[in-house]
Amino acid sequence: MVSLDSPEKNAEFARSLGGNFPVISDPGKEAAKAYGVLGLGGLYARRWTFYIDSGGIIRKVDRDVRPETAGADVARTLAELGFPRRGSPGAE
């Protein structure tokens, strides 16, 4: 997950959810600009999911992310794209 917020605010957000996942800060908006997700006036980043393989190739972009189903949607799409499951043979 990438956010335009500060590292401190992102850490607070992850803790509030009991999250065990990294939240990368992009307060300078460089990544958001590079991926074309910077929203109106640069005030926010669009909630798009990029599926990037180990070779750095973008395999799919989901521009219709629904927070209430995002976890299941990501898991399903990773399987559809043939990404290895964590702990399975061939997984990194």
C-alpha atoms as a PDB file:
ATOM      1  CA  MET A   1       0.000   0.000   0.000  1.00  0.00           C
ATOM      2  CA  VAL A   2       1.288   3.457  -0.915  1.00  0.00           C
ATOM      3  CA  SER A   3      -0.049   6.617   0.666  1.00  0.00           C
ATOM      4  CA  LEU A   4       0.660  10.327   0.293  1.00  0.00           C
ATOM      5  CA  ASP A   5       0.630  10.618   4.091  1.00  0.00           C
ATOM      6  CA  SER A   6       3.705  10.839   6.318  1.00  0.00           C
ATOM      7  CA  PRO A   7       5.403   7.666   7.588  1.00  0.00           C
ATOM      8  CA  GLU A   8       4.125   8.446  11.105  1.00  0.00           C
ATOM      9  CA  LYS A   9       0.514   8.802   9.981  1.00  0.00           C
ATOM     10  CA  ASN A  10       0.769   5.588   7.940  1.00  0.00           C
ATOM     11  CA  ALA A  11       2.191   3.665  10.902  1.00  0.00           C
ATOM     12  CA  GLU A  12      -0.678   4.947  13.051  1.00  0.00           C
ATOM     13  CA  PHE A  13      -3.180   3.840  10.386  1.00  0.00           C
ATOM     14  CA  ALA A  14      -1.682   0.336  10.151  1.00  0.00           C
ATOM     15  CA  ARG A  15      -1.685  -0.007  13.958  1.00  0.00           C
ATOM     16  CA  SER A  16      -5.323   1.117  14.146  1.00  0.00           C
ATOM     17  CA  LEU A  17      -6.276  -1.787  11.878  1.00  0.00           C
ATOM     18  CA  GLY A  18      -4.019  -4.276  13.639  1.00  0.00           C
ATOM     19  CA  GLY A  19      -2.272  -4.458  10.286  1.00  0.00           C
ATOM     20  CA  ASN A  20       0.657  -6.679   9.530  1.00  0.00           C
ATOM     21  CA  PHE A  21       1.497  -5.036   6.203  1.00  0.00           C
ATOM     22  CA  PRO A  22       3.774  -2.243   5.052  1.00  0.00           C
ATOM     23  CA  VAL A  23       2.381   1.171   4.157  1.00  0.00           C
ATOM     24  CA  ILE A  24       4.824   3.113   2.018  1.00  0.00           C
ATOM     25  CA  SER A  25       4.824   6.894   2.298  1.00  0.00           C
ATOM     26  CA  ASP A  26       4.952   9.066  -0.810  1.00  0.00           C
ATOM     27  CA  PRO A  27       4.556  12.589   0.603  1.00  0.00           C
ATOM     28  CA  GLY A  28       6.502  14.042  -2.355  1.00  0.00           C
ATOM     29  CA  LYS A  29       3.986  12.352  -4.693  1.00  0.00           C
ATOM     30  CA  GLU A  30       6.706  11.005  -7.029  1.00  0.00           C
ATOM     31  CA  ALA A  31       5.351   7.445  -7.164  1.00  0.00           C
ATOM     32  CA  ALA A  32       1.752   8.638  -7.471  1.00  0.00           C
ATOM     33  CA  LYS A  33       2.715  10.827 -10.427  1.00  0.00           C
ATOM     34  CA  ALA A  34       4.762   8.058 -12.070  1.00  0.00           C
ATOM     35  CA  TYR A  35       1.862   5.580 -11.840  1.00  0.00           C
ATOM     36  CA  GLY A  36      -0.754   8.118 -12.903  1.00  0.00           C
ATOM     37  CA  VAL A  37      -2.825   7.863  -9.738  1.00  0.00           C
ATOM     38  CA  LEU A  38      -2.567  11.404  -8.438  1.00  0.00           C
ATOM     39  CA  GLY A  39      -6.086  12.725  -7.918  1.00  0.00           C
ATOM     40  CA  LEU A  40      -7.686  16.122  -8.264  1.00  0.00           C
ATOM     41  CA  GLY A  41      -5.227  18.895  -7.460  1.00  0.00           C
ATOM     42  CA  GLY A  42      -2.713  16.370  -6.121  1.00  0.00           C
ATOM     43  CA  LEU A  43      -4.675  16.074  -2.885  1.00  0.00           C
ATOM     44  CA  TYR A  44      -5.033  12.283  -2.914  1.00  0.00           C
ATOM     45  CA  ALA A  45      -3.986   9.110  -4.707  1.00  0.00           C
ATOM     46  CA  ARG A  46      -6.620   7.044  -6.486  1.00  0.00           C
ATOM     47  CA  ARG A  47      -7.235   3.574  -5.017  1.00  0.00           C
ATOM     48  CA  TRP A  48      -5.849   1.499  -7.853  1.00  0.00           C
ATOM     49  CA  THR A  49      -4.127  -1.857  -7.428  1.00  0.00           C
ATOM     50  CA  PHE A  50      -1.116  -2.667  -9.607  1.00  0.00           C
ATOM     51  CA  TYR A  51      -0.142  -6.332  -9.943  1.00  0.00           C
ATOM     52  CA  ILE A  52       3.599  -6.318 -10.623  1.00  0.00           C
ATOM     53  CA  ASP A  53       5.517  -9.554 -11.172  1.00  0.00           C
ATOM     54  CA  SER A  54       9.025 -10.320  -9.916  1.00  0.00           C
ATOM     55  CA  GLY A  55      10.455  -9.045 -13.217  1.00  0.00           C
ATOM     56  CA  GLY A  56       8.867  -5.634 -12.678  1.00  0.00           C
ATOM     57  CA  ILE A  57       6.190  -6.141 -15.352  1.00  0.00           C
ATOM     58  CA  ILE A  58       2.758  -4.687 -14.587  1.00  0.00           C
ATOM     59  CA  ARG A  59       0.460  -7.646 -15.243  1.00  0.00           C
ATOM     60  CA  LYS A  60      -2.823  -5.930 -14.403  1.00  0.00           C
ATOM     61  CA  VAL A  61      -4.229  -2.682 -13.039  1.00  0.00           C
ATOM     62  CA  ASP A  62      -7.489  -2.722 -11.085  1.00  0.00           C
ATOM     63  CA  ARG A  63      -9.058   0.730 -11.304  1.00  0.00           C
ATOM     64  CA  ASP A  64     -12.252  -0.314  -9.540  1.00  0.00           C
ATOM     65  CA  VAL A  65     -10.984  -1.097  -6.028  1.00  0.00           C
ATOM     66  CA  ARG A  66     -13.721  -1.630  -3.462  1.00  0.00           C
ATOM     67  CA  PRO A  67     -12.325  -1.373   0.083  1.00  0.00           C
ATOM     68  CA  GLU A  68     -14.968  -3.730   1.491  1.00  0.00           C
ATOM     69  CA  THR A  69     -13.881  -6.603  -0.834  1.00  0.00           C
ATOM     70  CA  ALA A  70     -10.291  -5.605  -1.638  1.00  0.00           C
ATOM     71  CA  GLY A  71      -8.587  -8.437   0.260  1.00  0.00           C
ATOM     72  CA  ALA A  72     -10.605 -11.172  -1.420  1.00  0.00           C
ATOM     73  CA  ASP A  73     -10.353  -9.402  -4.782  1.00  0.00           C
ATOM     74  CA  VAL A  74      -6.551  -9.226  -4.555  1.00  0.00           C
ATOM     75  CA  ALA A  75      -6.260 -12.892  -3.537  1.00  0.00           C
ATOM     76  CA  ARG A  76      -8.501 -13.975  -6.426  1.00  0.00           C
ATOM     77  CA  THR A  77      -6.647 -11.849  -8.985  1.00  0.00           C
ATOM     78  CA  LEU A  78      -3.234 -13.059  -7.817  1.00  0.00           C
ATOM     79  CA  ALA A  79      -4.425 -16.647  -8.294  1.00  0.00           C
ATOM     80  CA  GLU A  80      -5.905 -15.849 -11.718  1.00  0.00           C
ATOM     81  CA  LEU A  81      -2.617 -14.296 -12.814  1.00  0.00           C
ATOM     82  CA  GLY A  82      -0.671 -17.324 -11.573  1.00  0.00           C
ATOM     83  CA  PHE A  83       1.322 -15.595  -8.854  1.00  0.00           C
ATOM     84  CA  PRO A  84       2.737 -18.196  -6.426  1.00  0.00           C
ATOM     85  CA  ARG A  85       1.181 -18.423  -2.982  1.00  0.00           C
ATOM     86  CA  ARG A  86       3.429 -17.575  -0.062  1.00  0.00           C
ATOM     87  CA  GLY A  87       5.121 -20.732   1.211  1.00  0.00           C
ATOM     88  CA  SER A  88       4.406 -22.716  -1.961  1.00  0.00           C
ATOM     89  CA  PRO A  89       7.166 -24.166  -4.156  1.00  0.00           C
ATOM     90  CA  GLY A  90       8.532 -21.434  -6.430  1.00  0.00           C
ATOM     91  CA  ALA A  91       7.358 -18.626  -4.155  1.00  0.00           C
ATOM     92  CA  GLU A  92       9.937 -15.987  -3.314  1.00  0.00           C
END
